[in-house]
Amino acid sequence: MTGAVFPLTLVCAATGLCLSKSRRRSVWLALIALAIMAALASLLPFTEAWAPSIFVAFWISTIITAAMTYLDGGISTWGAILLGGNNGLWAGAVTTLVGLQLSSIVALLPLFLLMLPARWLAAQSFRVVANVGASWVIAISALAAGVALLPTPGYVADHME
């Protein structure tokens, strides 16, 4: 996964699910921290040599964020700010590597599309739905991190040739 849309969609989905049980003030502060850190990280001069390390750190951060959905009382205000800042840092780094495109910005939509129903489900005691969504994000992120870590053989002649 070297494009920006899919990783940004997953980190935003994980962030939305994680913040679904937090207070409104914490959610807004986390979103502000995410935006500020993404903007600051996009100014850093990341080169292609950094790509494997950035993508692995990005996927690990996404897994941890999605796993935090399982916390009972949500996360504290400072935890939400740190979470938003961390995810913003890696999101900004990824968009710097692949180039900022309109589709990358549209990838932020799942953050809002998942947070609102997840907040409602948490209020209705149907938290298991958000946990299932978080499990899906964890599984996909773990697979993407594994692919980023494994060396690929490149174009090898097929055994039928």
Protein backbone atom coordinates (compact mmCIF):
# COMPACT_ATOMS: atom_id res chain seq x y z
CA MET A 1 0.00 0.00 0.00
CA THR A 2 1.90 3.01 -1.18
CA GLY A 3 -1.07 5.21 -2.04
CA ALA A 4 -2.46 7.67 0.48
CA VAL A 5 -6.21 7.18 0.24
CA PHE A 6 -6.51 3.70 1.75
CA PRO A 7 -4.14 4.30 4.70
CA LEU A 8 -5.73 7.66 5.50
CA THR A 9 -9.19 6.14 5.35
CA LEU A 10 -8.22 3.42 7.82
CA VAL A 11 -6.48 5.75 10.27
CA CYS A 12 -9.46 8.10 10.17
CA ALA A 13 -11.87 5.21 10.70
CA ALA A 14 -9.79 3.99 13.64
CA THR A 15 -9.67 7.49 15.11
CA GLY A 16 -13.42 7.93 14.72
CA LEU A 17 -14.15 4.59 16.38
CA CYS A 18 -11.68 5.26 19.19
CA LEU A 19 -13.11 8.69 19.96
CA SER A 20 -16.72 7.50 19.83
CA LYS A 21 -16.94 7.08 23.63
CA SER A 22 -14.98 10.20 24.51
CA ARG A 23 -16.43 13.54 25.54
CA ARG A 24 -17.21 16.08 22.82
CA ARG A 25 -14.51 18.45 24.02
CA SER A 26 -11.94 15.65 23.80
CA VAL A 27 -13.07 14.79 20.29
CA TRP A 28 -12.72 18.37 19.04
CA LEU A 29 -9.30 18.78 20.66
CA ALA A 30 -8.15 15.50 19.09
CA LEU A 31 -9.34 16.62 15.66
CA ILE A 32 -7.55 19.95 16.04
CA ALA A 33 -4.35 18.16 17.11
CA LEU A 34 -4.69 15.79 14.14
CA ALA A 35 -5.05 18.67 11.69
CA ILE A 36 -2.17 20.69 13.15
CA MET A 37 0.24 17.74 13.26
CA ALA A 38 -0.72 16.64 9.74
CA ALA A 39 -0.01 20.14 8.46
CA LEU A 40 3.33 20.32 10.31
CA ALA A 41 4.39 16.85 9.18
CA SER A 42 3.59 17.70 5.59
CA LEU A 43 6.25 20.42 5.77
CA LEU A 44 9.01 17.97 6.70
CA PRO A 45 11.32 16.79 3.90
CA PHE A 46 10.57 13.05 3.88
CA THR A 47 12.27 11.15 1.08
CA GLU A 48 11.46 7.83 -0.54
CA ALA A 49 14.11 6.15 1.64
CA TRP A 50 11.89 6.82 4.65
CA ALA A 51 8.82 5.20 3.08
CA PRO A 52 9.05 1.67 4.56
CA SER A 53 9.68 2.97 8.08
CA ILE A 54 6.92 5.56 7.87
CA PHE A 55 4.38 3.09 6.55
CA VAL A 56 5.19 0.50 9.23
CA ALA A 57 4.94 3.14 11.98
CA PHE A 58 1.72 4.39 10.40
CA TRP A 59 0.15 0.92 10.44
CA ILE A 60 1.27 0.24 14.02
CA SER A 61 -0.26 3.55 15.09
CA THR A 62 -3.50 2.64 13.31
CA ILE A 63 -3.62 -0.74 15.07
CA ILE A 64 -3.08 0.84 18.48
CA THR A 65 -5.73 3.48 17.78
CA ALA A 66 -8.28 0.88 16.72
CA ALA A 67 -7.46 -1.28 19.75
CA MET A 68 -8.21 1.66 22.02
CA THR A 69 -11.84 1.37 20.92
CA TYR A 70 -12.13 -1.47 23.42
CA LEU A 71 -11.51 0.83 26.41
CA ASP A 72 -14.65 1.04 28.51
CA GLY A 73 -14.83 4.71 29.43
CA GLY A 74 -13.22 6.15 26.35
CA ILE A 75 -9.94 8.00 26.57
CA SER A 76 -9.08 11.09 28.58
CA THR A 77 -8.76 14.54 27.09
CA TRP A 78 -4.96 14.42 27.09
CA GLY A 79 -5.05 10.91 25.65
CA ALA A 80 -7.32 12.14 22.86
CA ILE A 81 -4.99 15.05 22.10
CA LEU A 82 -1.96 12.73 21.99
CA LEU A 83 -3.88 10.25 19.85
CA GLY A 84 -4.92 12.96 17.38
CA GLY A 85 -1.39 14.38 17.26
CA ASN A 86 0.18 10.98 16.69
CA ASN A 87 -2.25 10.05 13.92
CA GLY A 88 -1.84 13.50 12.37
CA LEU A 89 1.94 13.11 12.34
CA TRP A 90 1.82 9.82 10.46
CA ALA A 91 -1.00 10.95 8.15
CA GLY A 92 1.02 14.05 7.24
CA ALA A 93 4.12 11.94 6.65
CA VAL A 94 2.23 9.57 4.34
CA THR A 95 0.68 12.39 2.34
CA THR A 96 4.12 14.00 2.01
CA LEU A 97 5.57 10.77 0.63
CA VAL A 98 2.88 10.16 -1.97
CA GLY A 99 1.88 13.75 -2.66
CA LEU A 100 -1.20 15.59 -1.49
CA GLN A 101 -4.21 14.99 -3.69
CA LEU A 102 -7.88 15.84 -3.40
CA SER A 103 -8.65 12.15 -2.90
CA SER A 104 -6.37 12.17 0.16
CA ILE A 105 -8.41 14.93 1.74
CA VAL A 106 -11.67 13.12 0.91
CA ALA A 107 -10.28 10.15 2.87
CA LEU A 108 -11.00 12.11 6.07
CA LEU A 109 -14.72 11.56 5.51
CA PRO A 110 -14.83 8.16 7.29
CA LEU A 111 -13.73 9.90 10.48
CA PHE A 112 -17.05 11.69 10.61
CA LEU A 113 -19.11 8.97 8.99
CA LEU A 114 -18.03 6.38 11.57
CA MET A 115 -17.88 8.58 14.65
CA LEU A 116 -21.51 9.68 14.58
CA PRO A 117 -23.13 6.23 14.39
CA ALA A 118 -20.52 4.82 16.78
CA ARG A 119 -21.38 7.53 19.33
CA TRP A 120 -25.06 6.71 18.97
CA LEU A 121 -24.40 2.97 19.29
CA ALA A 122 -22.28 3.57 22.40
CA ALA A 123 -25.14 5.57 23.94
CA GLN A 124 -27.58 2.75 23.14
CA SER A 125 -25.31 0.08 24.68
CA PHE A 126 -24.57 -1.55 21.31
CA ARG A 127 -20.85 -1.01 21.66
CA VAL A 128 -20.09 -4.40 20.10
CA VAL A 129 -20.75 -2.98 16.62
CA ALA A 130 -17.97 -0.41 17.03
CA ASN A 131 -15.71 -3.14 18.42
CA VAL A 132 -16.33 -5.31 15.35
CA GLY A 133 -15.46 -2.35 13.11
CA ALA A 134 -12.29 -1.77 15.12
CA SER A 135 -11.38 -5.45 14.79
CA TRP A 136 -11.73 -5.18 11.04
CA VAL A 137 -9.46 -2.10 10.98
CA ILE A 138 -6.90 -3.95 13.14
CA ALA A 139 -6.89 -6.97 10.83
CA ILE A 140 -6.50 -4.92 7.64
CA SER A 141 -3.79 -2.73 9.20
CA ALA A 142 -1.88 -5.78 10.44
CA LEU A 143 -1.98 -7.28 6.95
CA ALA A 144 -0.79 -4.01 5.40
CA ALA A 145 2.04 -3.73 7.96
CA GLY A 146 3.06 -7.31 7.21
CA VAL A 147 3.17 -6.60 3.50
CA ALA A 148 5.26 -3.49 4.16
CA LEU A 149 7.73 -5.51 6.26
CA LEU A 150 8.13 -8.50 3.96
CA PRO A 151 10.57 -8.19 1.10
CA THR A 152 8.97 -8.89 -2.23
CA PRO A 153 10.84 -10.90 -4.87
CA GLY A 154 9.85 -8.52 -7.63
CA TYR A 155 9.14 -9.86 -11.08
CA VAL A 156 10.22 -13.50 -11.08
CA ALA A 157 9.70 -15.72 -14.09
CA ASP A 158 6.61 -17.86 -13.77
CA HIS A 159 7.13 -21.59 -13.35
CA MET A 160 5.05 -22.21 -16.49
CA GLU A 161 7.40 -20.26 -18.76
